[in-house]
Amino acid sequence: MEWSEVNPSQLKLVAAGIGACALVGMGAFTVVVSDAPGNISEGPEITLGGTTTSTTAPTTVETSVATPPVTATTPSGFATP
């Protein structure tokens, strides 16, 4: 059979078959190559490490009202506070 005798619908069917086979082949290759564990519990145990310290938050706030360390005078012509 020559290319001039190939029906366009037959060509589309052959191309779809080749594409489906390629898709299945890539999926099978991914399954074979992947190294992921089946369950999360199969992985290593998660620890905090030796340098981690745990502390509790203070119950009261250190500074309730902030006061500026410098005072200034109001220039003439402005309203006084």
C-alpha atoms as a PDB file:
ATOM      1  CA  MET A   1       0.000   0.000   0.000  1.00  0.00           C
ATOM      2  CA  GLU A   2       1.384   3.393  -0.990  1.00  0.00           C
ATOM      3  CA  TRP A   3       0.932   6.689   0.856  1.00  0.00           C
ATOM      4  CA  SER A   4      -1.384   7.983  -1.843  1.00  0.00           C
ATOM      5  CA  GLU A   5      -3.767   5.080  -1.094  1.00  0.00           C
ATOM      6  CA  VAL A   6      -3.995   5.779   2.670  1.00  0.00           C
ATOM      7  CA  ASN A   7      -7.355   7.121   3.770  1.00  0.00           C
ATOM      8  CA  PRO A   8      -7.156  10.146   6.139  1.00  0.00           C
ATOM      9  CA  SER A   9      -9.379   8.404   8.681  1.00  0.00           C
ATOM     10  CA  GLN A  10      -7.057   5.370   8.659  1.00  0.00           C
ATOM     11  CA  LEU A  11      -4.068   7.662   9.223  1.00  0.00           C
ATOM     12  CA  LYS A  12      -5.803   9.304  12.199  1.00  0.00           C
ATOM     13  CA  LEU A  13      -6.607   5.888  13.657  1.00  0.00           C
ATOM     14  CA  VAL A  14      -3.003   4.716  13.310  1.00  0.00           C
ATOM     15  CA  ALA A  15      -1.700   7.978  14.825  1.00  0.00           C
ATOM     16  CA  ALA A  16      -4.119   7.636  17.761  1.00  0.00           C
ATOM     17  CA  GLY A  17      -2.962   4.050  18.337  1.00  0.00           C
ATOM     18  CA  ILE A  18       0.698   5.093  18.320  1.00  0.00           C
ATOM     19  CA  GLY A  19      -0.065   7.929  20.741  1.00  0.00           C
ATOM     20  CA  ALA A  20      -1.959   5.613  23.107  1.00  0.00           C
ATOM     21  CA  CYS A  21       0.917   3.128  23.092  1.00  0.00           C
ATOM     22  CA  ALA A  22       3.389   5.932  23.854  1.00  0.00           C
ATOM     23  CA  LEU A  23       1.228   7.129  26.739  1.00  0.00           C
ATOM     24  CA  VAL A  24       0.990   3.647  28.246  1.00  0.00           C
ATOM     25  CA  GLY A  25       4.731   3.163  27.799  1.00  0.00           C
ATOM     26  CA  MET A  26       5.553   6.445  29.578  1.00  0.00           C
ATOM     27  CA  GLY A  27       3.236   5.528  32.443  1.00  0.00           C
ATOM     28  CA  ALA A  28       4.854   2.116  32.836  1.00  0.00           C
ATOM     29  CA  PHE A  29       8.332   3.679  32.746  1.00  0.00           C
ATOM     30  CA  THR A  30       7.312   6.174  35.443  1.00  0.00           C
ATOM     31  CA  VAL A  31       6.043   3.395  37.709  1.00  0.00           C
ATOM     32  CA  VAL A  32       9.233   1.390  37.268  1.00  0.00           C
ATOM     33  CA  VAL A  33      11.609   4.319  37.795  1.00  0.00           C
ATOM     34  CA  SER A  34       9.767   6.099  40.644  1.00  0.00           C
ATOM     35  CA  ASP A  35      11.223   5.475  44.073  1.00  0.00           C
ATOM     36  CA  ALA A  36       8.358   6.914  46.135  1.00  0.00           C
ATOM     37  CA  PRO A  37       7.136   4.895  49.126  1.00  0.00           C
ATOM     38  CA  GLY A  38       3.602   3.540  49.075  1.00  0.00           C
ATOM     39  CA  ASN A  39       2.590   5.024  52.430  1.00  0.00           C
ATOM     40  CA  ILE A  40       3.724   8.076  54.340  1.00  0.00           C
ATOM     41  CA  SER A  41       4.398   5.924  57.405  1.00  0.00           C
ATOM     42  CA  GLU A  42       7.154   4.065  55.532  1.00  0.00           C
ATOM     43  CA  GLY A  43       9.415   7.152  55.508  1.00  0.00           C
ATOM     44  CA  PRO A  44      11.939   8.138  58.192  1.00  0.00           C
ATOM     45  CA  GLU A  45      10.787   9.538  61.530  1.00  0.00           C
ATOM     46  CA  ILE A  46      10.695  13.331  61.673  1.00  0.00           C
ATOM     47  CA  THR A  47      12.573  14.876  64.613  1.00  0.00           C
ATOM     48  CA  LEU A  48      13.144  18.455  65.757  1.00  0.00           C
ATOM     49  CA  GLY A  49      16.911  18.171  65.877  1.00  0.00           C
ATOM     50  CA  GLY A  50      19.483  18.792  68.608  1.00  0.00           C
ATOM     51  CA  THR A  51      19.576  22.614  68.429  1.00  0.00           C
ATOM     52  CA  THR A  52      15.834  23.225  68.737  1.00  0.00           C
ATOM     53  CA  THR A  53      14.587  24.757  71.981  1.00  0.00           C
ATOM     54  CA  SER A  54      10.958  24.995  73.015  1.00  0.00           C
ATOM     55  CA  THR A  55       9.724  27.834  75.243  1.00  0.00           C
ATOM     56  CA  THR A  56       6.339  29.121  76.324  1.00  0.00           C
ATOM     57  CA  ALA A  57       5.149  32.611  75.494  1.00  0.00           C
ATOM     58  CA  PRO A  58       5.073  35.205  78.299  1.00  0.00           C
ATOM     59  CA  THR A  59       1.651  35.765  79.880  1.00  0.00           C
ATOM     60  CA  THR A  60       2.005  39.573  80.135  1.00  0.00           C
ATOM     61  CA  VAL A  61       3.152  42.129  77.609  1.00  0.00           C
ATOM     62  CA  GLU A  62       6.478  43.825  78.452  1.00  0.00           C
ATOM     63  CA  THR A  63       5.518  47.334  77.298  1.00  0.00           C
ATOM     64  CA  SER A  64       1.891  48.327  77.628  1.00  0.00           C
ATOM     65  CA  VAL A  65       2.382  51.959  76.480  1.00  0.00           C
ATOM     66  CA  ALA A  66       5.342  53.270  74.528  1.00  0.00           C
ATOM     67  CA  THR A  67       6.811  56.606  75.595  1.00  0.00           C
ATOM     68  CA  PRO A  68       9.347  58.444  73.450  1.00  0.00           C
ATOM     69  CA  PRO A  69      12.733  59.094  75.061  1.00  0.00           C
ATOM     70  CA  VAL A  70      12.929  62.653  73.633  1.00  0.00           C
ATOM     71  CA  THR A  71      10.593  65.587  74.209  1.00  0.00           C
ATOM     72  CA  ALA A  72      10.113  68.612  71.944  1.00  0.00           C
ATOM     73  CA  THR A  73       8.441  71.994  72.185  1.00  0.00           C
ATOM     74  CA  THR A  74       5.766  73.177  69.820  1.00  0.00           C
ATOM     75  CA  PRO A  75       6.916  76.029  67.515  1.00  0.00           C
ATOM     76  CA  SER A  76       5.055  79.323  67.704  1.00  0.00           C
ATOM     77  CA  GLY A  77       2.008  79.495  65.486  1.00  0.00           C
ATOM     78  CA  PHE A  78       0.993  75.842  66.008  1.00  0.00           C
ATOM     79  CA  ALA A  79      -1.668  74.559  68.363  1.00  0.00           C
ATOM     80  CA  THR A  80      -0.388  73.284  71.667  1.00  0.00           C
ATOM     81  CA  PRO A  81      -1.270  69.744  72.642  1.00  0.00           C
END
